[in-house]
Amino acid sequence: MSFSGDLKTFTLPDLLQRLSLSRKTGLLWIKGSDYQVSLRIHRGELTGVTTSQPARRIGQFLISRGYIEEVSLRMALNHQEGRGEVRLLGDILCTEGYMGREKLDRALQERSEEIVYDLFLLDEGEFGFEEGAPPGAVAVEVSLSLDSLVLEGIRRKEEWSRIRHVLPCDDVRVRFLRPKSAARSDRSNLWHRLRALPHRDASIGELIMTTRRSPFDIYQLLFRMLQDGELELIHTPAAAVVEASAVENLSDIEAEVLQLVRGHDFQRAWQRWREVGREAVDGEWVNRLGRQIETEERDCLRDRFPEQSVPVLALPPRLIKREDLSPKEGFLISRLGEKMTIKTLCQVMPLAEIDIFRILLGLEKRGVIRMSDGRNSHG
């Protein structure tokens, strides 16, 4: 039996508990606003997880937990590509001595758990279940109880609601204060990692990018540090007020948006798309138009930034410090060097390819970076 639905009408806890109690076998997919997760279920147990989230790639997760360094990931990726054979990244990391098999297995199970827990924080989404033995194999085999995942997921969702009342968004800026108590044994590696950062002030978005940890991990720790008097808020943006507009003719809107796309004015095309999307006139139409804009934009940016081209800094460090860089821009700039190509950058950054292209485009237009392969600016 196969079925599908909306997470607003059939909640994730109910869905997973149903599959657990009935000891179902099959493939469950859950789609959020910009990513999809697939869960392999065997007799009511979770046996495999895949996701389209760039920040949840295996290499990114291993870096975020301190299992490997970024340079090790780059070398393993080069080794994977250079051999011209299909080998799992985890196998390469083990055989080349970057980490042990036992640590890798533990890390991969932790990653699977975190991917599922993130699903409980979705405000909305779609799902579908296809009963039967899922085709093919998965890169990571796990064995996790759906009931245990549901209990922890519900706890996190309740805690997330409390945290977001105090820390509403990634633009909140925080300042680390001197700990009031002596060293405690319950302080995590992430706590020490944040305390060791060279700057005392940062936005939550910058901390997420720097550590590559999940938003829940960062928000939860900052919330506790705030309660312990080890942190203070130095900027909390006011919530934006959006006024609803009258429903417009969809065909006219689509023609307007596609004209912007043909002129490569993707920023205004997305702005118009979001305005219409807030009215939720026709969800299927809105999603289709959004996919069309993204496809055209990605193709355009791939032409502009070939995978073997190399972005380099066009300004000296003292001038770059004066630039008002976003957390993502600052993180990308910190990765440049050693003739890193666009292709490698997309592999080691915890961002989607199109997001990396957008950042590169913005930095290039502002004169912060340039392409070193001799291409002229596309203007």
Protein backbone atom coordinates (compact mmCIF):
# COMPACT_ATOMS: atom_id res chain seq x y z
CA MET A 1 0.00 0.00 0.00
CA SER A 2 1.30 3.44 -0.96
CA PHE A 3 0.02 6.78 0.31
CA SER A 4 0.98 10.46 0.40
CA GLY A 5 -0.14 13.65 2.06
CA ASP A 6 0.68 16.91 3.80
CA LEU A 7 2.50 17.20 7.13
CA LYS A 8 -0.03 19.77 8.30
CA THR A 9 -2.84 17.22 8.18
CA PHE A 10 -0.81 14.09 8.99
CA THR A 11 2.00 14.93 11.41
CA LEU A 12 5.44 13.37 11.26
CA PRO A 13 5.14 11.65 14.69
CA ASP A 14 1.84 10.06 13.63
CA LEU A 15 3.34 9.00 10.31
CA LEU A 16 6.44 7.34 11.82
CA GLN A 17 4.45 5.68 14.59
CA ARG A 18 2.05 4.25 12.03
CA LEU A 19 4.92 2.74 10.06
CA SER A 20 6.49 1.39 13.26
CA LEU A 21 3.33 -0.20 14.68
CA SER A 22 2.37 -1.81 11.36
CA ARG A 23 6.02 -2.95 10.83
CA LYS A 24 5.97 -1.61 7.29
CA THR A 25 8.75 -2.02 4.74
CA GLY A 26 9.25 0.58 2.03
CA LEU A 27 10.57 4.02 1.15
CA LEU A 28 9.31 7.18 2.88
CA TRP A 29 10.16 10.52 1.32
CA ILE A 30 9.60 13.89 2.97
CA LYS A 31 9.93 17.13 1.03
CA GLY A 32 10.52 20.51 2.66
CA SER A 33 10.67 23.88 0.96
CA ASP A 34 14.13 23.36 -0.56
CA TYR A 35 15.24 19.79 0.13
CA GLN A 36 14.05 16.19 0.26
CA VAL A 37 14.87 13.36 2.64
CA SER A 38 14.31 9.66 1.89
CA LEU A 39 14.00 7.09 4.67
CA ARG A 40 14.34 3.36 4.05
CA ILE A 41 12.07 1.44 6.41
CA HIS A 42 12.37 -2.33 7.02
CA ARG A 43 9.76 -3.99 9.25
CA GLY A 44 9.17 -0.76 11.15
CA GLU A 45 12.86 0.09 11.66
CA LEU A 46 14.90 2.82 9.97
CA THR A 47 17.69 1.23 7.91
CA GLY A 48 18.91 4.04 5.63
CA VAL A 49 18.73 7.81 5.11
CA THR A 50 19.54 10.01 2.11
CA THR A 51 19.09 13.75 1.81
CA SER A 52 19.55 16.49 -0.78
CA GLN A 53 20.75 18.97 1.88
CA PRO A 54 24.32 20.09 1.05
CA ALA A 55 25.06 20.82 4.73
CA ARG A 56 24.18 17.21 5.57
CA ARG A 57 26.57 15.57 3.13
CA ILE A 58 28.71 12.92 4.82
CA GLY A 59 31.89 14.95 4.41
CA GLN A 60 30.32 18.09 5.87
CA PHE A 61 28.97 16.16 8.85
CA LEU A 62 32.37 14.58 9.59
CA ILE A 63 34.01 18.02 9.55
CA SER A 64 31.32 19.53 11.78
CA ARG A 65 31.88 16.84 14.44
CA GLY A 66 35.66 17.06 14.32
CA TYR A 67 36.22 13.61 12.81
CA ILE A 68 38.23 15.00 9.89
CA GLU A 69 39.63 18.33 8.69
CA GLU A 70 38.53 20.06 5.50
CA VAL A 71 41.90 19.37 3.88
CA SER A 72 41.31 15.63 4.44
CA LEU A 73 37.91 15.88 2.76
CA ARG A 74 39.44 17.64 -0.24
CA MET A 75 42.14 15.00 -0.60
CA ALA A 76 39.59 12.18 -0.32
CA LEU A 77 37.36 13.82 -2.93
CA ASN A 78 40.34 14.22 -5.27
CA HIS A 79 41.23 10.58 -4.71
CA GLN A 80 37.63 9.55 -5.43
CA GLU A 81 37.58 11.49 -8.68
CA GLY A 82 41.10 10.61 -9.77
CA ARG A 83 40.61 6.85 -9.71
CA GLY A 84 37.67 7.07 -12.11
CA GLU A 85 35.79 4.42 -10.16
CA VAL A 86 32.69 4.47 -8.00
CA ARG A 87 33.83 4.34 -4.38
CA LEU A 88 32.00 5.58 -1.33
CA LEU A 89 33.61 8.57 0.36
CA GLY A 90 33.55 6.80 3.72
CA ASP A 91 35.46 3.83 2.32
CA ILE A 92 38.13 6.14 0.91
CA LEU A 93 38.50 7.97 4.23
CA CYS A 94 39.08 4.63 5.97
CA THR A 95 41.39 2.98 3.44
CA GLU A 96 43.50 6.13 3.10
CA GLY A 97 43.88 6.40 6.88
CA TYR A 98 41.91 9.59 7.51
CA MET A 99 39.69 7.87 10.10
CA GLY A 100 38.91 4.43 11.49
CA ARG A 101 35.96 2.28 10.47
CA GLU A 102 34.49 2.23 13.98
CA LYS A 103 34.45 6.01 14.18
CA LEU A 104 32.98 6.24 10.71
CA ASP A 105 30.13 3.86 11.54
CA ARG A 106 29.34 5.80 14.71
CA ALA A 107 29.43 9.12 12.86
CA LEU A 108 27.16 7.86 10.09
CA GLN A 109 24.57 6.68 12.58
CA GLU A 110 24.70 10.08 14.32
CA ARG A 111 24.23 11.77 10.96
CA SER A 112 21.17 9.65 10.15
CA GLU A 113 19.62 10.53 13.51
CA GLU A 114 20.25 14.27 13.03
CA ILE A 115 18.71 14.27 9.56
CA VAL A 116 15.53 12.73 10.94
CA TYR A 117 15.42 15.06 13.95
CA ASP A 118 15.60 18.07 11.63
CA LEU A 119 12.40 16.87 9.96
CA PHE A 120 10.47 17.47 13.17
CA LEU A 121 11.30 21.19 12.91
CA LEU A 122 9.58 21.56 9.53
CA ASP A 123 6.59 23.91 9.65
CA GLU A 124 5.16 22.39 6.49
CA GLY A 125 6.01 19.79 3.91
CA GLU A 126 4.81 16.86 1.82
CA PHE A 127 5.38 13.14 2.21
CA GLY A 128 4.88 9.89 0.34
CA PHE A 129 5.34 6.22 1.23
CA GLU A 130 5.94 3.44 -1.29
CA GLU A 131 5.47 0.03 0.25
CA GLY A 132 7.74 -2.86 -0.61
CA ALA A 133 11.48 -3.45 -0.65
CA PRO A 134 13.13 -0.17 -1.82
CA PRO A 135 15.23 -0.69 -4.96
CA GLY A 136 19.01 -0.54 -4.82
CA ALA A 137 21.35 -0.09 -1.88
CA VAL A 138 22.08 2.92 0.27
CA ALA A 139 25.48 4.36 1.06
CA VAL A 140 24.93 3.98 4.80
CA GLU A 141 23.14 1.10 6.50
CA VAL A 142 21.77 1.89 9.97
CA SER A 143 19.38 0.29 12.41
CA LEU A 144 17.31 2.80 14.38
CA SER A 145 14.04 2.53 16.26
CA LEU A 146 11.35 4.80 14.82
CA ASP A 147 9.70 5.04 18.25
CA SER A 148 12.91 6.36 19.86
CA LEU A 149 13.38 8.86 17.03
CA VAL A 150 9.82 10.11 17.50
CA LEU A 151 10.28 10.69 21.25
CA GLU A 152 13.49 12.69 20.74
CA GLY A 153 12.04 14.54 17.74
CA ILE A 154 9.00 15.68 19.74
CA ARG A 155 11.24 16.85 22.59
CA ARG A 156 13.37 18.87 20.16
CA LYS A 157 10.35 20.48 18.53
CA GLU A 158 9.03 21.63 21.93
CA GLU A 159 12.46 23.00 22.87
CA TRP A 160 12.80 24.66 19.47
CA SER A 161 9.59 26.62 20.06
CA ARG A 162 10.92 27.97 23.38
CA ILE A 163 14.30 28.85 21.88
CA ARG A 164 12.85 30.73 18.90
CA HIS A 165 10.88 33.04 21.18
CA VAL A 166 14.22 34.33 22.48
CA LEU A 167 16.42 33.83 19.40
CA PRO A 168 14.04 34.40 16.47
CA CYS A 169 16.38 34.25 13.46
CA ASP A 170 19.92 33.79 12.12
CA ASP A 171 20.47 37.58 12.00
CA VAL A 172 20.50 37.84 15.80
CA ARG A 173 23.99 38.94 16.91
CA VAL A 174 25.46 37.63 20.13
CA ARG A 175 28.51 38.39 22.27
CA PHE A 176 30.34 35.77 24.32
CA LEU A 177 30.99 36.75 27.94
CA ARG A 178 33.48 35.43 30.43
CA PRO A 179 32.09 32.26 32.10
CA LYS A 180 30.91 32.97 35.63
CA SER A 181 31.75 29.51 36.93
CA ALA A 182 34.84 27.34 36.82
CA ALA A 183 35.33 24.69 34.15
CA ARG A 184 32.52 22.13 34.18
CA SER A 185 32.64 18.56 32.97
CA ASP A 186 29.32 18.87 31.10
CA ARG A 187 30.57 21.43 28.60
CA SER A 188 30.54 20.02 25.09
CA ASN A 189 33.13 20.13 22.34
CA LEU A 190 30.86 22.60 20.55
CA TRP A 191 30.91 24.91 23.60
CA HIS A 192 34.72 24.91 23.57
CA ARG A 193 34.75 25.42 19.81
CA LEU A 194 32.54 28.51 20.03
CA ARG A 195 34.59 29.92 22.92
CA ALA A 196 37.77 29.43 20.88
CA LEU A 197 36.56 31.53 17.93
CA PRO A 198 38.78 34.58 17.31
CA HIS A 199 35.86 37.05 17.47
CA ARG A 200 33.59 37.65 20.47
CA ASP A 201 30.68 39.05 18.45
CA ALA A 202 28.90 37.12 15.71
CA SER A 203 25.51 36.49 14.19
CA ILE A 204 23.89 33.11 14.69
CA GLY A 205 24.13 32.59 10.93
CA GLU A 206 27.90 33.10 11.06
CA LEU A 207 28.24 30.55 13.85
CA ILE A 208 26.23 27.98 11.90
CA MET A 209 28.38 28.47 8.82
CA THR A 210 31.68 28.46 10.73
CA THR A 211 30.97 25.32 12.73
CA ARG A 212 28.86 23.58 10.01
CA ARG A 213 26.64 22.30 12.80
CA SER A 214 22.86 22.05 12.50
CA PRO A 215 20.82 25.16 13.39
CA PHE A 216 19.26 23.24 16.30
CA ASP A 217 22.68 22.47 17.82
CA ILE A 218 23.78 26.11 17.64
CA TYR A 219 20.51 27.64 18.80
CA GLN A 220 20.20 25.18 21.68
CA LEU A 221 23.71 25.87 22.96
CA LEU A 222 23.37 29.65 22.63
CA PHE A 223 20.06 29.52 24.49
CA ARG A 224 21.69 27.65 27.38
CA MET A 225 24.68 29.99 27.40
CA LEU A 226 22.27 32.92 27.56
CA GLN A 227 20.55 31.37 30.57
CA ASP A 228 23.93 30.76 32.23
CA GLY A 229 25.00 34.39 31.76
CA GLU A 230 27.76 33.45 29.31
CA LEU A 231 26.17 35.26 26.39
CA GLU A 232 24.38 38.51 25.65
CA LEU A 233 22.27 39.65 22.71
CA ILE A 234 23.64 42.73 20.95
CA HIS A 235 21.17 42.88 18.05
CA THR A 236 17.77 41.28 17.51
CA PRO A 237 16.13 42.28 14.19
CA ALA A 238 12.49 43.30 14.29
CA ALA A 239 10.08 40.99 12.50
CA ALA A 240 9.09 42.15 9.03
CA VAL A 241 5.44 43.02 8.47
CA VAL A 242 4.05 41.74 5.19
CA GLU A 243 0.86 43.20 3.78
CA ALA A 244 -1.28 40.91 1.67
CA SER A 245 -2.15 42.10 -1.82
CA ALA A 246 -5.15 41.33 -3.97
CA VAL A 247 -5.10 38.08 -5.92
CA GLU A 248 -3.88 38.71 -9.45
CA ASN A 249 -4.32 36.86 -12.72
CA LEU A 250 -1.89 33.92 -12.69
CA SER A 251 -1.20 33.94 -16.43
CA ASP A 252 -0.25 37.62 -16.31
CA ILE A 253 2.04 37.02 -13.32
CA GLU A 254 3.70 34.06 -15.03
CA ALA A 255 4.31 36.10 -18.18
CA GLU A 256 5.82 38.88 -16.08
CA VAL A 257 8.10 36.52 -14.16
CA LEU A 258 9.27 34.68 -17.29
CA GLN A 259 10.08 37.97 -18.98
CA LEU A 260 12.34 38.81 -16.02
CA VAL A 261 13.93 35.36 -16.31
CA ARG A 262 14.63 35.82 -20.02
CA GLY A 263 16.35 39.09 -19.16
CA HIS A 264 18.40 37.28 -16.49
CA ASP A 265 16.91 39.52 -13.79
CA PHE A 266 16.54 36.60 -11.40
CA GLN A 267 16.52 38.74 -8.26
CA ARG A 268 13.34 40.54 -9.31
CA ALA A 269 11.85 37.29 -10.65
CA TRP A 270 12.28 35.63 -7.24
CA GLN A 271 10.92 38.71 -5.48
CA ARG A 272 7.79 38.61 -7.62
CA TRP A 273 7.46 34.86 -7.10
CA ARG A 274 7.64 35.26 -3.31
CA GLU A 275 4.99 37.97 -3.36
CA VAL A 276 2.62 35.64 -5.17
CA GLY A 277 3.59 32.65 -3.05
CA ARG A 278 2.56 34.41 0.15
CA GLU A 279 -1.00 34.54 -1.16
CA ALA A 280 -0.97 30.74 -1.67
CA VAL A 281 -3.32 31.05 -4.64
CA ASP A 282 -2.35 27.75 -6.24
CA GLY A 283 0.42 25.81 -4.51
CA GLU A 284 1.16 23.55 -7.48
CA TRP A 285 1.42 26.50 -9.87
CA VAL A 286 3.68 28.42 -7.47
CA ASN A 287 6.02 25.41 -7.06
CA ARG A 288 6.19 24.79 -10.80
CA LEU A 289 7.06 28.41 -11.51
CA GLY A 290 9.69 28.37 -8.76
CA ARG A 291 11.35 25.28 -10.25
CA GLN A 292 11.39 26.96 -13.65
CA ILE A 293 13.09 30.08 -12.30
CA GLU A 294 15.69 28.00 -10.43
CA THR A 295 16.50 25.85 -13.48
CA GLU A 296 17.03 28.89 -15.70
CA GLU A 297 19.10 30.66 -13.03
CA ARG A 298 21.30 27.61 -12.39
CA ASP A 299 22.00 27.14 -16.11
CA CYS A 300 22.87 30.81 -16.47
CA LEU A 301 25.23 30.77 -13.48
CA ARG A 302 26.91 27.54 -14.58
CA ASP A 303 27.78 29.25 -17.85
CA ARG A 304 29.15 32.22 -15.96
CA PHE A 305 31.20 30.14 -13.51
CA PRO A 306 32.65 27.03 -15.26
CA GLU A 307 33.59 24.30 -12.79
CA GLN A 308 37.33 24.48 -13.57
CA SER A 309 37.58 28.26 -13.13
CA VAL A 310 39.26 29.59 -9.97
CA PRO A 311 37.86 32.49 -7.92
CA VAL A 312 40.49 34.63 -6.22
CA LEU A 313 40.40 37.74 -4.06
CA ALA A 314 40.46 41.00 -6.01
CA LEU A 315 40.99 43.19 -2.92
CA PRO A 316 43.67 43.18 -0.21
CA PRO A 317 42.58 41.82 3.21
CA ARG A 318 42.44 45.30 4.80
CA LEU A 319 39.81 46.41 2.27
CA ILE A 320 37.85 43.16 2.46
CA LYS A 321 37.43 43.74 6.20
CA ARG A 322 35.58 46.95 5.36
CA GLU A 323 33.04 45.11 3.23
CA ASP A 324 29.65 44.39 4.78
CA LEU A 325 29.82 40.64 4.19
CA SER A 326 27.04 38.23 5.03
CA PRO A 327 27.91 35.06 7.02
CA LYS A 328 27.82 32.99 3.84
CA GLU A 329 29.98 35.48 1.92
CA GLY A 330 32.56 35.58 4.69
CA PHE A 331 32.66 31.80 4.94
CA LEU A 332 33.13 31.38 1.18
CA ILE A 333 35.93 33.96 1.09
CA SER A 334 37.71 32.10 3.90
CA ARG A 335 37.80 28.97 1.69
CA LEU A 336 39.50 30.62 -1.30
CA GLY A 337 43.14 29.84 -1.92
CA GLU A 338 45.41 27.09 -3.19
CA LYS A 339 43.84 27.39 -6.66
CA MET A 340 40.52 25.96 -5.47
CA THR A 341 38.24 25.50 -8.47
CA ILE A 342 34.51 26.13 -8.56
CA LYS A 343 33.96 22.37 -8.63
CA THR A 344 36.00 21.80 -5.47
CA LEU A 345 34.38 24.77 -3.76
CA CYS A 346 30.94 23.25 -4.36
CA GLN A 347 32.16 19.97 -2.87
CA VAL A 348 33.59 21.36 0.37
CA MET A 349 31.06 24.13 1.07
CA PRO A 350 27.97 23.23 3.16
CA LEU A 351 25.74 25.03 0.65
CA ALA A 352 23.75 24.15 -2.44
CA GLU A 353 25.49 24.75 -5.77
CA ILE A 354 23.09 27.51 -6.79
CA ASP A 355 23.63 29.34 -3.48
CA ILE A 356 27.39 29.25 -4.01
CA PHE A 357 26.94 30.65 -7.52
CA ARG A 358 24.75 33.46 -6.19
CA ILE A 359 27.35 34.40 -3.60
CA LEU A 360 30.13 34.36 -6.20
CA LEU A 361 28.07 36.56 -8.50
CA GLY A 362 27.41 39.11 -5.78
CA LEU A 363 31.06 39.22 -4.72
CA GLU A 364 32.25 39.49 -8.32
CA LYS A 365 29.90 42.39 -9.08
CA ARG A 366 31.14 44.21 -5.97
CA GLY A 367 34.75 43.69 -7.03
CA VAL A 368 35.63 41.55 -4.02
CA ILE A 369 36.63 38.54 -6.13
CA ARG A 370 37.58 37.87 -9.72
CA MET A 371 37.99 34.74 -11.83
CA SER A 372 41.61 33.84 -12.44
CA ASP A 373 41.15 31.96 -15.71
CA GLY A 374 41.38 35.14 -17.78
CA ARG A 375 37.68 35.43 -18.57
CA ASN A 376 36.30 38.93 -18.90
CA SER A 377 33.57 40.03 -16.55
CA HIS A 378 30.14 39.31 -17.98
CA GLY A 379 28.82 42.62 -16.66
